[in-house]
């Protein structure tokens, strides 16, 4: 799910402050501790080879985040693609790969234990 900033409902606006809120933006039930993550990614980075060996060769961890700059495209198990750009909020459900279309910086929130395992898997893939 991608949501552009101007599509997030304005709940309150006063001089000097605008509060926007998107309801029902994913479900964190039963996921335990959440980690905050900041990724800096170069255009052309593709997670496909890094996720080989994971279930379905895809990241099975959900992520909620914000694109600070750049552009990324996710592909799910069915081949459906979705592109997120600067100022977009996003939710990536389990079962995705990511391709960086333009140099990007993103902030993500992920189930800590689950995503740590995925990151560990990627680290091992880069040592081969």
C-alpha atoms as a PDB file:
ATOM      1  CA  UNK A   1       0.000   0.000   0.000  1.00  0.00           C
ATOM      2  CA  UNK A   2       1.415   3.360  -1.061  1.00  0.00           C
ATOM      3  CA  UNK A   3      -0.047   6.648   0.066  1.00  0.00           C
ATOM      4  CA  UNK A   4       1.127  10.017  -1.233  1.00  0.00           C
ATOM      5  CA  UNK A   5       1.355  12.763   1.372  1.00  0.00           C
ATOM      6  CA  UNK A   6      -1.491  14.742  -0.187  1.00  0.00           C
ATOM      7  CA  UNK A   7      -3.723  11.648   0.046  1.00  0.00           C
ATOM      8  CA  UNK A   8      -3.317  11.343   3.822  1.00  0.00           C
ATOM      9  CA  UNK A   9      -6.357  12.945   5.451  1.00  0.00           C
ATOM     10  CA  UNK A  10      -5.780  16.260   7.200  1.00  0.00           C
ATOM     11  CA  UNK A  11      -7.217  15.814  10.685  1.00  0.00           C
ATOM     12  CA  UNK A  12      -6.174  19.157  12.121  1.00  0.00           C
ATOM     13  CA  UNK A  13      -4.668  22.314  10.689  1.00  0.00           C
ATOM     14  CA  UNK A  14      -3.735  25.369  12.682  1.00  0.00           C
ATOM     15  CA  UNK A  15      -1.135  28.064  12.039  1.00  0.00           C
ATOM     16  CA  UNK A  16       2.228  26.328  12.085  1.00  0.00           C
ATOM     17  CA  UNK A  17       0.918  22.753  12.235  1.00  0.00           C
ATOM     18  CA  UNK A  18      -0.807  20.257   9.976  1.00  0.00           C
ATOM     19  CA  UNK A  19      -1.681  16.821  11.313  1.00  0.00           C
ATOM     20  CA  UNK A  20      -2.426  14.097   8.780  1.00  0.00           C
ATOM     21  CA  UNK A  21      -3.552  10.587   9.656  1.00  0.00           C
ATOM     22  CA  UNK A  22      -4.079   7.456   7.562  1.00  0.00           C
ATOM     23  CA  UNK A  23      -6.279   4.981   9.404  1.00  0.00           C
ATOM     24  CA  UNK A  24      -5.943   1.187   9.036  1.00  0.00           C
ATOM     25  CA  UNK A  25      -2.343   1.394   7.783  1.00  0.00           C
ATOM     26  CA  UNK A  26      -1.404  -2.233   8.334  1.00  0.00           C
ATOM     27  CA  UNK A  27      -1.771  -4.466  11.370  1.00  0.00           C
ATOM     28  CA  UNK A  28       1.050  -5.066  13.875  1.00  0.00           C
ATOM     29  CA  UNK A  29      -0.892  -7.542  16.034  1.00  0.00           C
ATOM     30  CA  UNK A  30       1.387 -10.134  17.603  1.00  0.00           C
ATOM     31  CA  UNK A  31       4.594  -8.888  15.958  1.00  0.00           C
ATOM     32  CA  UNK A  32       6.490  -8.103  19.174  1.00  0.00           C
ATOM     33  CA  UNK A  33       9.090  -5.354  19.354  1.00  0.00           C
ATOM     34  CA  UNK A  34       9.396  -3.036  16.355  1.00  0.00           C
ATOM     35  CA  UNK A  35      12.701  -1.646  15.057  1.00  0.00           C
ATOM     36  CA  UNK A  36      13.133   1.776  13.453  1.00  0.00           C
ATOM     37  CA  UNK A  37      15.355   1.616  10.377  1.00  0.00           C
ATOM     38  CA  UNK A  38      16.952   4.156   8.060  1.00  0.00           C
ATOM     39  CA  UNK A  39      18.159   2.828   4.698  1.00  0.00           C
ATOM     40  CA  UNK A  40      20.317   4.709   2.166  1.00  0.00           C
ATOM     41  CA  UNK A  41      20.143   2.894  -1.180  1.00  0.00           C
ATOM     42  CA  UNK A  42      21.746   3.479  -4.579  1.00  0.00           C
ATOM     43  CA  UNK A  43      19.838   3.239  -7.850  1.00  0.00           C
ATOM     44  CA  UNK A  44      20.020  -0.275  -9.244  1.00  0.00           C
ATOM     45  CA  UNK A  45      20.067  -2.122  -5.896  1.00  0.00           C
ATOM     46  CA  UNK A  46      17.866  -5.214  -6.236  1.00  0.00           C
ATOM     47  CA  UNK A  47      17.058  -7.497  -3.310  1.00  0.00           C
ATOM     48  CA  UNK A  48      16.225 -10.517  -5.516  1.00  0.00           C
ATOM     49  CA  UNK A  49      19.628 -12.231  -5.172  1.00  0.00           C
ATOM     50  CA  UNK A  50      19.858 -11.281  -1.483  1.00  0.00           C
ATOM     51  CA  UNK A  51      16.525 -12.954  -0.670  1.00  0.00           C
ATOM     52  CA  UNK A  52      17.361 -16.265  -2.399  1.00  0.00           C
ATOM     53  CA  UNK A  53      16.836 -19.047   0.112  1.00  0.00           C
ATOM     54  CA  UNK A  54      14.145 -17.233   2.115  1.00  0.00           C
ATOM     55  CA  UNK A  55      10.596 -18.583   1.923  1.00  0.00           C
ATOM     56  CA  UNK A  56       9.535 -18.002  -1.697  1.00  0.00           C
ATOM     57  CA  UNK A  57      12.832 -16.140  -2.253  1.00  0.00           C
ATOM     58  CA  UNK A  58      11.023 -13.091  -0.864  1.00  0.00           C
ATOM     59  CA  UNK A  59      11.218 -10.991   2.293  1.00  0.00           C
ATOM     60  CA  UNK A  60       8.445 -12.334   4.520  1.00  0.00           C
ATOM     61  CA  UNK A  61       8.651  -9.438   6.988  1.00  0.00           C
ATOM     62  CA  UNK A  62       6.099  -6.583   6.865  1.00  0.00           C
ATOM     63  CA  UNK A  63       7.387  -3.002   6.820  1.00  0.00           C
ATOM     64  CA  UNK A  64       5.783   0.378   7.388  1.00  0.00           C
ATOM     65  CA  UNK A  65       7.733   3.386   6.182  1.00  0.00           C
ATOM     66  CA  UNK A  66       8.303   6.728   4.544  1.00  0.00           C
ATOM     67  CA  UNK A  67      10.344   7.630   1.463  1.00  0.00           C
ATOM     68  CA  UNK A  68      12.579  10.598   2.283  1.00  0.00           C
ATOM     69  CA  UNK A  69      13.931  10.771  -1.276  1.00  0.00           C
ATOM     70  CA  UNK A  70      14.172   8.619  -4.371  1.00  0.00           C
ATOM     71  CA  UNK A  71      12.014   5.891  -5.852  1.00  0.00           C
ATOM     72  CA  UNK A  72      11.646   2.148  -5.202  1.00  0.00           C
ATOM     73  CA  UNK A  73       9.502  -0.576  -6.775  1.00  0.00           C
ATOM     74  CA  UNK A  74       8.342  -3.681  -4.939  1.00  0.00           C
ATOM     75  CA  UNK A  75       7.307  -6.924  -6.605  1.00  0.00           C
ATOM     76  CA  UNK A  76       5.178  -9.480  -4.763  1.00  0.00           C
ATOM     77  CA  UNK A  77       4.880 -13.247  -5.269  1.00  0.00           C
ATOM     78  CA  UNK A  78       2.200 -12.828  -7.941  1.00  0.00           C
ATOM     79  CA  UNK A  79       4.387 -10.378  -9.900  1.00  0.00           C
ATOM     80  CA  UNK A  80       2.349  -7.305  -8.939  1.00  0.00           C
ATOM     81  CA  UNK A  81       4.521  -4.203  -8.762  1.00  0.00           C
ATOM     82  CA  UNK A  82       4.067  -0.988  -6.827  1.00  0.00           C
ATOM     83  CA  UNK A  83       6.279   2.097  -6.920  1.00  0.00           C
ATOM     84  CA  UNK A  84       6.847   4.452  -3.986  1.00  0.00           C
ATOM     85  CA  UNK A  85       8.413   7.908  -4.285  1.00  0.00           C
ATOM     86  CA  UNK A  86       9.615  10.762  -2.093  1.00  0.00           C
ATOM     87  CA  UNK A  87       7.010  11.839   0.477  1.00  0.00           C
ATOM     88  CA  UNK A  88       5.037   8.576   0.197  1.00  0.00           C
ATOM     89  CA  UNK A  89       4.048   6.534   3.214  1.00  0.00           C
ATOM     90  CA  UNK A  90       4.156   2.812   2.454  1.00  0.00           C
ATOM     91  CA  UNK A  91       3.235  -0.584   3.804  1.00  0.00           C
ATOM     92  CA  UNK A  92       5.021  -3.601   2.326  1.00  0.00           C
ATOM     93  CA  UNK A  93       3.263  -6.800   3.381  1.00  0.00           C
ATOM     94  CA  UNK A  94       5.187 -10.066   3.710  1.00  0.00           C
ATOM     95  CA  UNK A  95       6.273 -11.562   0.386  1.00  0.00           C
ATOM     96  CA  UNK A  96       8.159  -8.883  -1.556  1.00  0.00           C
ATOM     97  CA  UNK A  97      11.378  -7.964  -3.347  1.00  0.00           C
ATOM     98  CA  UNK A  98      12.591  -4.386  -3.766  1.00  0.00           C
ATOM     99  CA  UNK A  99      14.334  -2.628  -6.667  1.00  0.00           C
ATOM    100  CA  UNK A 100      15.766   0.877  -6.189  1.00  0.00           C
ATOM    101  CA  UNK A 101      14.834   2.963  -9.246  1.00  0.00           C
ATOM    102  CA  UNK A 102      16.532   6.191  -8.118  1.00  0.00           C
ATOM    103  CA  UNK A 103      18.949   6.851  -5.222  1.00  0.00           C
ATOM    104  CA  UNK A 104      16.778   6.638  -2.142  1.00  0.00           C
ATOM    105  CA  UNK A 105      16.570   7.142   1.586  1.00  0.00           C
ATOM    106  CA  UNK A 106      13.751   5.494   3.486  1.00  0.00           C
ATOM    107  CA  UNK A 107      12.645   5.212   7.084  1.00  0.00           C
ATOM    108  CA  UNK A 108      11.007   1.896   8.009  1.00  0.00           C
ATOM    109  CA  UNK A 109       9.448   0.272  11.033  1.00  0.00           C
ATOM    110  CA  UNK A 110       9.593  -3.528  11.072  1.00  0.00           C
ATOM    111  CA  UNK A 111       9.092  -6.423  13.480  1.00  0.00           C
ATOM    112  CA  UNK A 112      12.529  -6.418  15.089  1.00  0.00           C
ATOM    113  CA  UNK A 113      13.194 -10.160  15.417  1.00  0.00           C
ATOM    114  CA  UNK A 114      11.831 -11.063  11.995  1.00  0.00           C
ATOM    115  CA  UNK A 115      13.652  -8.322  10.088  1.00  0.00           C
ATOM    116  CA  UNK A 116      16.907  -8.945  11.938  1.00  0.00           C
ATOM    117  CA  UNK A 117      16.797 -12.504  10.566  1.00  0.00           C
ATOM    118  CA  UNK A 118      16.254 -11.187   7.027  1.00  0.00           C
ATOM    119  CA  UNK A 119      19.117  -8.694   7.384  1.00  0.00           C
ATOM    120  CA  UNK A 120      21.352 -11.479   8.720  1.00  0.00           C
ATOM    121  CA  UNK A 121      20.446 -13.584   5.678  1.00  0.00           C
ATOM    122  CA  UNK A 122      21.371 -10.698   3.356  1.00  0.00           C
ATOM    123  CA  UNK A 123      24.702 -10.220   5.128  1.00  0.00           C
ATOM    124  CA  UNK A 124      25.497 -13.905   4.601  1.00  0.00           C
ATOM    125  CA  UNK A 125      24.601 -13.613   0.888  1.00  0.00           C
ATOM    126  CA  UNK A 126      27.126 -10.775   0.467  1.00  0.00           C
ATOM    127  CA  UNK A 127      29.912 -12.891   1.986  1.00  0.00           C
ATOM    128  CA  UNK A 128      29.584 -15.594  -0.672  1.00  0.00           C
END
